[in-house]
N, C-alpha and C. Protein backbone atom coordinates (compact mmCIF):
# COMPACT_ATOMS: atom_id res chain seq x y z
N MET A 1 -26.47 1.65 14.94
CA MET A 1 -27.68 0.86 15.10
C MET A 1 -27.66 -0.36 14.17
N LYS A 2 -27.19 -0.14 12.90
CA LYS A 2 -27.13 -1.25 11.96
C LYS A 2 -26.15 -2.33 12.42
N LYS A 3 -25.05 -1.92 13.07
CA LYS A 3 -24.09 -2.88 13.58
C LYS A 3 -24.72 -3.76 14.64
N ASN A 4 -25.54 -3.16 15.50
CA ASN A 4 -26.21 -3.92 16.55
C ASN A 4 -27.17 -4.94 15.97
N ILE A 5 -27.89 -4.57 14.92
CA ILE A 5 -28.84 -5.49 14.28
C ILE A 5 -28.09 -6.63 13.61
N LYS A 6 -27.00 -6.31 12.90
CA LYS A 6 -26.20 -7.35 12.26
C LYS A 6 -25.63 -8.31 13.30
N PHE A 7 -25.13 -7.73 14.40
CA PHE A 7 -24.57 -8.55 15.47
C PHE A 7 -25.64 -9.45 16.07
N LEU A 8 -26.83 -8.89 16.30
CA LEU A 8 -27.92 -9.65 16.86
C LEU A 8 -28.35 -10.78 15.92
N LEU A 9 -28.45 -10.49 14.62
CA LEU A 9 -28.79 -11.53 13.64
C LEU A 9 -27.74 -12.63 13.60
N LEU A 10 -26.48 -12.22 13.62
CA LEU A 10 -25.39 -13.18 13.62
C LEU A 10 -25.45 -14.06 14.87
N LEU A 11 -25.73 -13.45 15.99
CA LEU A 11 -25.85 -14.18 17.25
C LEU A 11 -27.01 -15.17 17.19
N ILE A 12 -28.13 -14.77 16.63
CA ILE A 12 -29.30 -15.66 16.51
C ILE A 12 -28.98 -16.83 15.59
N ILE A 13 -28.35 -16.54 14.46
CA ILE A 13 -27.99 -17.61 13.52
C ILE A 13 -27.01 -18.58 14.17
N PHE A 14 -26.01 -18.04 14.85
CA PHE A 14 -25.05 -18.89 15.54
C PHE A 14 -25.74 -19.77 16.57
N GLY A 15 -26.67 -19.19 17.32
CA GLY A 15 -27.42 -19.95 18.33
C GLY A 15 -28.24 -21.06 17.71
N MET A 16 -28.85 -20.79 16.56
CA MET A 16 -29.65 -21.80 15.87
C MET A 16 -28.76 -22.94 15.37
N VAL A 17 -27.62 -22.59 14.79
CA VAL A 17 -26.69 -23.61 14.30
C VAL A 17 -26.18 -24.46 15.47
N ALA A 18 -25.80 -23.80 16.57
CA ALA A 18 -25.31 -24.53 17.75
C ALA A 18 -26.40 -25.45 18.31
N GLY A 19 -27.62 -24.95 18.39
CA GLY A 19 -28.73 -25.76 18.90
C GLY A 19 -29.01 -26.96 18.02
N PHE A 20 -29.02 -26.75 16.71
CA PHE A 20 -29.26 -27.84 15.78
C PHE A 20 -28.13 -28.86 15.85
N SER A 21 -26.88 -28.38 15.96
CA SER A 21 -25.73 -29.28 16.08
C SER A 21 -25.85 -30.13 17.35
N GLY A 22 -26.24 -29.50 18.45
CA GLY A 22 -26.44 -30.22 19.70
C GLY A 22 -27.53 -31.27 19.58
N TYR A 23 -28.61 -30.91 18.90
CA TYR A 23 -29.70 -31.86 18.67
C TYR A 23 -29.20 -33.07 17.88
N LEU A 24 -28.46 -32.81 16.80
CA LEU A 24 -27.94 -33.91 15.98
C LEU A 24 -26.98 -34.79 16.77
N MET A 25 -26.12 -34.17 17.58
CA MET A 25 -25.19 -34.95 18.38
C MET A 25 -25.94 -35.83 19.37
N LYS A 26 -26.95 -35.27 20.01
CA LYS A 26 -27.74 -36.04 20.98
C LYS A 26 -28.48 -37.18 20.26
N LYS A 27 -29.04 -36.88 19.10
CA LYS A 27 -29.79 -37.87 18.34
C LYS A 27 -28.89 -39.00 17.87
N ASN A 28 -27.65 -38.67 17.47
CA ASN A 28 -26.74 -39.67 16.93
C ASN A 28 -25.88 -40.34 17.99
N ASN A 29 -25.99 -39.93 19.25
CA ASN A 29 -25.22 -40.57 20.31
C ASN A 29 -25.93 -41.87 20.66
N LEU A 30 -25.40 -42.94 20.16
CA LEU A 30 -26.00 -44.24 20.34
C LEU A 30 -25.59 -44.81 21.68
N GLU A 31 -26.49 -44.74 22.63
CA GLU A 31 -26.18 -45.28 23.94
C GLU A 31 -26.45 -46.76 23.89
N GLY A 32 -25.47 -47.53 24.24
CA GLY A 32 -25.66 -48.96 24.27
C GLY A 32 -24.57 -49.69 23.54
N GLU A 33 -24.86 -50.88 23.20
CA GLU A 33 -23.85 -51.80 22.74
C GLU A 33 -24.11 -52.20 21.29
N LEU A 34 -23.06 -52.21 20.52
CA LEU A 34 -23.12 -52.77 19.18
C LEU A 34 -22.17 -53.94 19.18
N ILE A 35 -22.68 -55.11 19.02
CA ILE A 35 -21.84 -56.30 19.05
C ILE A 35 -21.37 -56.57 17.63
N ILE A 36 -20.07 -56.71 17.47
CA ILE A 36 -19.53 -57.05 16.16
C ILE A 36 -19.53 -58.56 16.06
N SER A 37 -20.32 -59.09 15.15
CA SER A 37 -20.39 -60.54 15.03
C SER A 37 -19.19 -61.11 14.28
N ASP A 38 -18.68 -60.37 13.31
CA ASP A 38 -17.50 -60.81 12.59
C ASP A 38 -16.45 -59.71 12.67
N ALA A 39 -15.59 -59.83 13.66
CA ALA A 39 -14.56 -58.81 13.87
C ALA A 39 -13.26 -59.18 13.17
N SER A 40 -13.30 -60.18 12.31
CA SER A 40 -12.06 -60.64 11.67
C SER A 40 -11.43 -59.59 10.78
N ASN A 41 -12.23 -58.63 10.30
CA ASN A 41 -11.67 -57.58 9.44
C ASN A 41 -11.11 -56.41 10.24
N ILE A 42 -11.26 -56.43 11.55
CA ILE A 42 -10.73 -55.35 12.39
C ILE A 42 -9.51 -55.86 13.13
N SER A 43 -8.43 -55.18 12.92
CA SER A 43 -7.16 -55.57 13.52
C SER A 43 -6.81 -54.68 14.70
N THR A 44 -6.18 -55.27 15.68
CA THR A 44 -5.70 -54.51 16.83
C THR A 44 -4.21 -54.17 16.67
N ALA A 45 -3.65 -54.47 15.51
CA ALA A 45 -2.22 -54.26 15.28
C ALA A 45 -1.81 -52.81 15.49
N THR A 46 -2.62 -51.87 15.01
CA THR A 46 -2.29 -50.45 15.17
C THR A 46 -2.22 -50.08 16.64
N LEU A 47 -3.18 -50.57 17.43
CA LEU A 47 -3.19 -50.29 18.86
C LEU A 47 -1.92 -50.81 19.53
N PHE A 48 -1.61 -52.08 19.31
CA PHE A 48 -0.49 -52.70 20.02
C PHE A 48 0.88 -52.24 19.50
N SER A 49 0.91 -51.59 18.34
CA SER A 49 2.18 -51.05 17.86
C SER A 49 2.32 -49.56 18.19
N SER A 50 1.33 -49.02 18.91
CA SER A 50 1.34 -47.59 19.24
C SER A 50 2.21 -47.29 20.46
N ASN A 51 2.79 -46.12 20.43
CA ASN A 51 3.43 -45.53 21.60
C ASN A 51 2.51 -44.40 22.02
N ILE A 52 2.17 -44.37 23.29
CA ILE A 52 1.15 -43.45 23.75
C ILE A 52 1.61 -42.77 25.03
N MET A 53 1.16 -41.53 25.24
CA MET A 53 1.59 -40.73 26.38
C MET A 53 0.69 -40.99 27.59
N ASN A 54 1.32 -41.19 28.76
CA ASN A 54 0.53 -41.33 29.98
C ASN A 54 0.27 -39.95 30.58
N SER A 55 -0.44 -39.91 31.68
CA SER A 55 -0.84 -38.62 32.27
C SER A 55 0.33 -37.86 32.88
N SER A 56 1.50 -38.51 32.98
CA SER A 56 2.71 -37.82 33.44
C SER A 56 3.53 -37.28 32.28
N GLY A 57 3.07 -37.54 31.05
CA GLY A 57 3.77 -37.06 29.87
C GLY A 57 4.83 -38.03 29.36
N GLU A 58 4.91 -39.22 29.96
CA GLU A 58 5.87 -40.23 29.52
C GLU A 58 5.27 -41.06 28.40
N ILE A 59 6.12 -41.47 27.46
CA ILE A 59 5.67 -42.30 26.35
C ILE A 59 5.78 -43.77 26.75
N VAL A 60 4.69 -44.51 26.52
CA VAL A 60 4.60 -45.92 26.88
C VAL A 60 4.26 -46.72 25.63
N SER A 61 4.90 -47.86 25.46
CA SER A 61 4.57 -48.76 24.35
C SER A 61 3.34 -49.57 24.72
N PHE A 62 2.32 -49.52 23.88
CA PHE A 62 1.07 -50.22 24.17
C PHE A 62 1.25 -51.73 24.09
N SER A 63 2.34 -52.18 23.50
CA SER A 63 2.59 -53.62 23.39
C SER A 63 2.71 -54.28 24.77
N LYS A 64 2.97 -53.50 25.80
CA LYS A 64 3.09 -54.06 27.15
C LYS A 64 1.77 -54.64 27.66
N PHE A 65 0.66 -54.33 26.98
CA PHE A 65 -0.65 -54.84 27.40
C PHE A 65 -1.09 -56.07 26.61
N GLU A 66 -0.22 -56.55 25.72
CA GLU A 66 -0.56 -57.75 24.95
C GLU A 66 -0.74 -58.94 25.90
N GLY A 67 -1.68 -59.82 25.55
CA GLY A 67 -1.92 -61.03 26.34
C GLY A 67 -2.84 -60.82 27.53
N GLN A 68 -3.48 -59.66 27.63
CA GLN A 68 -4.40 -59.36 28.73
C GLN A 68 -5.80 -59.07 28.18
N TRP A 69 -6.81 -59.28 29.03
CA TRP A 69 -8.14 -58.78 28.73
C TRP A 69 -8.09 -57.28 28.91
N LEU A 70 -8.59 -56.53 27.94
CA LEU A 70 -8.55 -55.07 27.99
C LEU A 70 -9.93 -54.47 27.73
N LEU A 71 -10.25 -53.44 28.48
CA LEU A 71 -11.37 -52.56 28.16
C LEU A 71 -10.73 -51.23 27.82
N ILE A 72 -10.80 -50.83 26.56
CA ILE A 72 -10.22 -49.56 26.11
C ILE A 72 -11.38 -48.59 25.93
N ASN A 73 -11.29 -47.45 26.60
CA ASN A 73 -12.34 -46.44 26.56
C ASN A 73 -11.77 -45.13 26.00
N PHE A 74 -12.26 -44.72 24.83
CA PHE A 74 -11.86 -43.45 24.23
C PHE A 74 -12.83 -42.37 24.72
N TRP A 75 -12.28 -41.24 25.16
CA TRP A 75 -13.10 -40.19 25.75
C TRP A 75 -12.44 -38.84 25.52
N ALA A 76 -13.14 -37.78 25.92
CA ALA A 76 -12.59 -36.42 25.85
C ALA A 76 -13.20 -35.59 26.99
N THR A 77 -12.46 -34.60 27.44
CA THR A 77 -12.92 -33.75 28.55
C THR A 77 -14.17 -32.96 28.18
N TRP A 78 -14.35 -32.65 26.91
CA TRP A 78 -15.47 -31.84 26.45
C TRP A 78 -16.71 -32.68 26.12
N CYS A 79 -16.63 -33.99 26.28
CA CYS A 79 -17.71 -34.91 25.93
C CYS A 79 -18.53 -35.25 27.19
N ALA A 80 -19.77 -34.76 27.25
CA ALA A 80 -20.62 -34.96 28.43
C ALA A 80 -20.86 -36.44 28.76
N PRO A 81 -21.24 -37.30 27.81
CA PRO A 81 -21.43 -38.72 28.15
C PRO A 81 -20.14 -39.37 28.64
N CYS A 82 -18.99 -38.91 28.13
CA CYS A 82 -17.70 -39.44 28.58
C CYS A 82 -17.50 -39.13 30.06
N ARG A 83 -17.77 -37.89 30.42
CA ARG A 83 -17.60 -37.48 31.82
C ARG A 83 -18.56 -38.24 32.74
N GLU A 84 -19.77 -38.49 32.25
CA GLU A 84 -20.79 -39.16 33.05
C GLU A 84 -20.44 -40.61 33.35
N GLU A 85 -19.71 -41.27 32.44
CA GLU A 85 -19.43 -42.69 32.64
C GLU A 85 -18.19 -42.95 33.51
N ILE A 86 -17.37 -41.94 33.77
CA ILE A 86 -16.13 -42.14 34.52
C ILE A 86 -16.37 -42.73 35.91
N PRO A 87 -17.32 -42.25 36.72
CA PRO A 87 -17.52 -42.88 38.04
C PRO A 87 -17.85 -44.37 37.94
N GLU A 88 -18.66 -44.76 36.96
CA GLU A 88 -18.99 -46.18 36.80
C GLU A 88 -17.80 -46.97 36.32
N LEU A 89 -16.97 -46.38 35.45
CA LEU A 89 -15.75 -47.07 35.01
C LEU A 89 -14.76 -47.19 36.17
N ASN A 90 -14.70 -46.19 37.03
CA ASN A 90 -13.86 -46.29 38.24
C ASN A 90 -14.31 -47.48 39.08
N GLU A 91 -15.62 -47.58 39.29
CA GLU A 91 -16.17 -48.69 40.07
C GLU A 91 -15.88 -50.03 39.40
N PHE A 92 -16.07 -50.08 38.09
CA PHE A 92 -15.79 -51.31 37.34
C PHE A 92 -14.33 -51.72 37.51
N ALA A 93 -13.42 -50.77 37.37
CA ALA A 93 -11.99 -51.07 37.48
C ALA A 93 -11.62 -51.57 38.87
N HIS A 94 -12.26 -51.02 39.91
CA HIS A 94 -11.98 -51.46 41.28
C HIS A 94 -12.52 -52.87 41.54
N GLU A 95 -13.71 -53.16 40.99
CA GLU A 95 -14.37 -54.44 41.26
C GLU A 95 -13.86 -55.58 40.39
N ASN A 96 -13.39 -55.28 39.19
CA ASN A 96 -13.08 -56.32 38.23
C ASN A 96 -11.59 -56.39 37.97
N LYS A 97 -10.97 -57.45 38.45
CA LYS A 97 -9.52 -57.62 38.26
C LYS A 97 -9.20 -58.53 37.08
N THR A 98 -10.25 -59.02 36.39
CA THR A 98 -10.06 -59.90 35.23
C THR A 98 -9.62 -59.11 34.00
N ILE A 99 -10.01 -57.86 33.96
CA ILE A 99 -9.80 -57.04 32.76
C ILE A 99 -9.10 -55.73 33.14
N GLN A 100 -8.13 -55.34 32.33
CA GLN A 100 -7.42 -54.08 32.55
C GLN A 100 -8.21 -52.95 31.89
N THR A 101 -8.66 -51.98 32.67
CA THR A 101 -9.41 -50.84 32.15
C THR A 101 -8.43 -49.74 31.80
N ILE A 102 -8.56 -49.21 30.57
CA ILE A 102 -7.63 -48.20 30.08
C ILE A 102 -8.43 -47.07 29.41
N ALA A 103 -8.15 -45.85 29.84
CA ALA A 103 -8.75 -44.66 29.21
C ALA A 103 -7.75 -44.08 28.22
N ILE A 104 -8.26 -43.69 27.05
CA ILE A 104 -7.44 -42.98 26.07
C ILE A 104 -8.17 -41.68 25.73
N ALA A 105 -7.59 -40.58 26.17
CA ALA A 105 -8.21 -39.27 25.96
C ALA A 105 -7.84 -38.72 24.58
N ILE A 106 -8.86 -38.27 23.89
CA ILE A 106 -8.66 -37.56 22.63
C ILE A 106 -8.68 -36.08 23.01
N ASP A 107 -7.59 -35.67 23.60
CA ASP A 107 -7.49 -34.35 24.21
C ASP A 107 -6.02 -34.07 24.44
N ASP A 108 -5.70 -32.90 24.98
CA ASP A 108 -4.30 -32.58 25.27
C ASP A 108 -4.00 -32.83 26.74
N LEU A 109 -2.73 -32.99 27.05
CA LEU A 109 -2.27 -33.33 28.39
C LEU A 109 -2.76 -32.33 29.43
N GLU A 110 -2.65 -31.05 29.15
CA GLU A 110 -3.05 -30.02 30.10
C GLU A 110 -4.54 -30.11 30.43
N SER A 111 -5.38 -30.26 29.41
CA SER A 111 -6.83 -30.36 29.64
C SER A 111 -7.19 -31.60 30.45
N VAL A 112 -6.54 -32.72 30.14
CA VAL A 112 -6.83 -33.96 30.85
C VAL A 112 -6.41 -33.84 32.31
N ASN A 113 -5.21 -33.33 32.56
CA ASN A 113 -4.74 -33.20 33.94
C ASN A 113 -5.61 -32.23 34.74
N LYS A 114 -6.04 -31.15 34.13
CA LYS A 114 -6.93 -30.20 34.80
C LYS A 114 -8.26 -30.87 35.14
N PHE A 115 -8.80 -31.64 34.19
CA PHE A 115 -10.06 -32.34 34.38
C PHE A 115 -9.95 -33.39 35.47
N THR A 116 -8.88 -34.21 35.43
CA THR A 116 -8.76 -35.31 36.39
C THR A 116 -8.42 -34.83 37.80
N ASN A 117 -8.03 -33.58 37.94
CA ASN A 117 -7.87 -33.02 39.29
C ASN A 117 -9.24 -32.84 39.94
N LYS A 118 -10.27 -32.62 39.13
CA LYS A 118 -11.63 -32.46 39.64
C LYS A 118 -12.36 -33.80 39.72
N ILE A 119 -12.26 -34.57 38.64
CA ILE A 119 -12.91 -35.89 38.57
C ILE A 119 -11.82 -36.91 38.26
N PRO A 120 -11.34 -37.60 39.29
CA PRO A 120 -10.22 -38.54 39.07
C PRO A 120 -10.62 -39.75 38.24
N ILE A 121 -9.69 -40.18 37.42
CA ILE A 121 -9.81 -41.45 36.71
C ILE A 121 -8.92 -42.42 37.46
N GLU A 122 -9.51 -43.48 38.01
CA GLU A 122 -8.80 -44.38 38.90
C GLU A 122 -8.35 -45.66 38.21
N TYR A 123 -8.14 -45.59 36.92
CA TYR A 123 -7.59 -46.69 36.13
C TYR A 123 -6.57 -46.08 35.19
N LEU A 124 -5.86 -46.92 34.46
CA LEU A 124 -4.80 -46.41 33.60
C LEU A 124 -5.34 -45.39 32.61
N SER A 125 -4.61 -44.31 32.47
CA SER A 125 -5.07 -43.21 31.63
C SER A 125 -3.96 -42.75 30.70
N PHE A 126 -4.30 -42.63 29.43
CA PHE A 126 -3.36 -42.18 28.41
C PHE A 126 -3.95 -41.03 27.63
N ILE A 127 -3.09 -40.27 26.97
CA ILE A 127 -3.52 -39.12 26.17
C ILE A 127 -3.03 -39.34 24.75
N ALA A 128 -3.95 -39.33 23.80
CA ALA A 128 -3.58 -39.58 22.41
C ALA A 128 -3.83 -38.36 21.53
N GLU A 129 -4.32 -37.27 22.11
CA GLU A 129 -4.64 -36.06 21.36
C GLU A 129 -5.42 -36.43 20.09
N ASN A 130 -5.14 -35.78 18.97
CA ASN A 130 -5.89 -36.04 17.73
C ASN A 130 -5.62 -37.41 17.14
N GLU A 131 -4.45 -37.99 17.45
CA GLU A 131 -4.15 -39.34 16.93
C GLU A 131 -5.12 -40.38 17.50
N GLY A 132 -5.75 -40.04 18.63
CA GLY A 132 -6.71 -40.95 19.23
C GLY A 132 -7.92 -41.21 18.34
N VAL A 133 -8.27 -40.24 17.52
CA VAL A 133 -9.39 -40.42 16.58
C VAL A 133 -9.05 -41.56 15.61
N GLN A 134 -7.86 -41.48 15.01
CA GLN A 134 -7.44 -42.53 14.07
C GLN A 134 -7.30 -43.88 14.78
N LEU A 135 -6.81 -43.85 16.01
CA LEU A 135 -6.66 -45.09 16.76
C LEU A 135 -8.02 -45.73 17.03
N SER A 136 -9.01 -44.92 17.42
CA SER A 136 -10.35 -45.47 17.66
C SER A 136 -10.97 -45.97 16.35
N GLN A 137 -10.71 -45.27 15.26
CA GLN A 137 -11.22 -45.72 13.96
C GLN A 137 -10.59 -47.05 13.55
N SER A 138 -9.32 -47.24 13.88
CA SER A 138 -8.66 -48.51 13.53
C SER A 138 -9.28 -49.67 14.31
N LEU A 139 -9.98 -49.37 15.40
CA LEU A 139 -10.63 -50.40 16.20
C LEU A 139 -12.12 -50.53 15.90
N GLY A 140 -12.59 -49.85 14.85
CA GLY A 140 -13.97 -50.01 14.43
C GLY A 140 -14.87 -48.82 14.62
N ASN A 141 -14.36 -47.70 15.11
CA ASN A 141 -15.20 -46.53 15.35
C ASN A 141 -15.31 -45.68 14.07
N GLU A 142 -15.97 -46.24 13.07
CA GLU A 142 -16.11 -45.52 11.80
C GLU A 142 -16.92 -44.24 11.94
N ARG A 143 -17.79 -44.19 12.95
CA ARG A 143 -18.68 -43.04 13.13
C ARG A 143 -18.02 -41.89 13.88
N GLY A 144 -16.90 -42.14 14.51
CA GLY A 144 -16.22 -41.09 15.27
C GLY A 144 -16.97 -40.69 16.53
N ILE A 145 -17.73 -41.60 17.10
CA ILE A 145 -18.54 -41.33 18.27
C ILE A 145 -17.70 -41.43 19.54
N LEU A 146 -17.95 -40.53 20.47
CA LEU A 146 -17.36 -40.60 21.81
C LEU A 146 -18.49 -40.60 22.82
N PRO A 147 -18.37 -41.33 23.89
CA PRO A 147 -17.32 -42.28 24.15
C PRO A 147 -17.44 -43.50 23.26
N PHE A 148 -16.31 -44.15 23.08
CA PHE A 148 -16.22 -45.37 22.27
C PHE A 148 -15.35 -46.34 23.05
N SER A 149 -15.83 -47.57 23.23
CA SER A 149 -15.09 -48.55 24.02
C SER A 149 -15.05 -49.89 23.31
N VAL A 150 -13.98 -50.63 23.56
CA VAL A 150 -13.84 -51.98 23.02
C VAL A 150 -13.32 -52.91 24.10
N ILE A 151 -13.76 -54.15 24.05
CA ILE A 151 -13.19 -55.21 24.88
C ILE A 151 -12.34 -56.05 23.95
N ILE A 152 -11.08 -56.24 24.35
CA ILE A 152 -10.12 -57.00 23.55
C ILE A 152 -9.65 -58.19 24.37
N SER A 153 -9.62 -59.36 23.75
CA SER A 153 -9.20 -60.59 24.42
C SER A 153 -7.67 -60.68 24.48
N PRO A 154 -7.14 -61.60 25.30
CA PRO A 154 -5.69 -61.80 25.35
C PRO A 154 -5.11 -62.23 23.99
N GLU A 155 -5.97 -62.75 23.12
CA GLU A 155 -5.53 -63.15 21.77
C GLU A 155 -5.57 -61.98 20.79
N LYS A 156 -5.81 -60.77 21.30
CA LYS A 156 -5.86 -59.52 20.53
C LYS A 156 -7.07 -59.45 19.61
N LYS A 157 -8.13 -60.14 19.98
CA LYS A 157 -9.37 -60.12 19.19
C LYS A 157 -10.37 -59.18 19.84
N ILE A 158 -10.99 -58.34 19.02
CA ILE A 158 -12.04 -57.46 19.53
C ILE A 158 -13.29 -58.30 19.78
N GLU A 159 -13.72 -58.31 21.04
CA GLU A 159 -14.87 -59.12 21.43
C GLU A 159 -16.17 -58.33 21.40
N LYS A 160 -16.13 -57.08 21.84
CA LYS A 160 -17.32 -56.23 21.87
C LYS A 160 -16.91 -54.79 21.58
N VAL A 161 -17.84 -54.08 20.98
CA VAL A 161 -17.66 -52.66 20.69
C VAL A 161 -18.86 -51.92 21.26
N PHE A 162 -18.60 -50.81 21.93
CA PHE A 162 -19.66 -50.01 22.53
C PHE A 162 -19.60 -48.59 21.99
N TYR A 163 -20.70 -48.11 21.46
CA TYR A 163 -20.82 -46.71 21.06
C TYR A 163 -21.65 -46.00 22.11
N GLY A 164 -21.16 -44.91 22.65
CA GLY A 164 -21.92 -44.15 23.62
C GLY A 164 -21.55 -44.51 25.04
N ARG A 165 -22.30 -43.95 25.97
CA ARG A 165 -22.02 -44.06 27.40
C ARG A 165 -22.21 -45.48 27.90
N LEU A 166 -21.17 -46.00 28.54
CA LEU A 166 -21.24 -47.32 29.15
C LEU A 166 -21.92 -47.23 30.51
N LYS A 167 -22.67 -48.26 30.83
CA LYS A 167 -23.27 -48.37 32.15
C LYS A 167 -22.71 -49.62 32.80
N LEU A 168 -22.52 -49.56 34.10
CA LEU A 168 -21.87 -50.64 34.83
C LEU A 168 -22.55 -51.98 34.63
N ASN A 169 -23.87 -52.03 34.76
CA ASN A 169 -24.57 -53.31 34.61
C ASN A 169 -24.43 -53.87 33.20
N GLN A 170 -24.47 -53.01 32.21
CA GLN A 170 -24.31 -53.42 30.81
C GLN A 170 -22.90 -53.98 30.58
N LEU A 171 -21.93 -53.32 31.13
CA LEU A 171 -20.54 -53.74 30.98
C LEU A 171 -20.30 -55.09 31.66
N ASN A 172 -20.80 -55.24 32.88
CA ASN A 172 -20.64 -56.51 33.60
C ASN A 172 -21.33 -57.66 32.87
N GLN A 173 -22.53 -57.42 32.34
CA GLN A 173 -23.24 -58.44 31.58
C GLN A 173 -22.45 -58.87 30.36
N SER A 174 -21.94 -57.89 29.63
CA SER A 174 -21.17 -58.20 28.42
C SER A 174 -19.92 -58.98 28.73
N LEU A 175 -19.22 -58.57 29.77
CA LEU A 175 -17.99 -59.24 30.14
C LEU A 175 -18.27 -60.67 30.61
N ASN A 176 -19.33 -60.86 31.38
CA ASN A 176 -19.69 -62.20 31.84
C ASN A 176 -20.03 -63.10 30.67
N SER A 177 -20.69 -62.58 29.66
CA SER A 177 -21.05 -63.41 28.51
C SER A 177 -19.82 -63.78 27.66
N ILE A 178 -18.79 -62.99 27.72
CA ILE A 178 -17.58 -63.27 26.95
C ILE A 178 -16.65 -64.22 27.70
N ILE A 179 -16.39 -63.92 28.96
CA ILE A 179 -15.36 -64.64 29.72
C ILE A 179 -15.88 -65.93 30.30
N ASN A 180 -17.12 -65.96 30.76
CA ASN A 180 -17.65 -67.17 31.43
C ASN A 180 -18.28 -68.14 30.49
């Protein structure tokens, strides 16, 4: 009987901790855009010198994307806002040929492939596992928030940084204000 009470108390405490953690994550998930006015202290050198795995397990040098407009989106299969924004990013990638849309999963190859069999990602997709956290931090994600996205110019300058779930209209507005 005492074991059952201890187990029940442990279960209640675990539930409270999980609930509070979920509340904090929801509260700290900043949906919207944070514009970096002075991005001169943030370098894209780490990104462009990276070798990263594609969804087939092949290693690709990120330097091949130099000189292009890029939308880099960091995400994970376990991140609800990340999963929610994929259909809109698919639409964005189909409609907008000015910018190369690239997903970088902070996850393992098996999880990403299993996930994308259910919800396809129709733009370039890479897997960075835990190294993706450091890569996103090198691009300004000091908070470690997912999803995290950046727009990078052909001159390798970070133009915009987004914390939280991207929305198609917000993304199009931001891109129009930068490019046009």
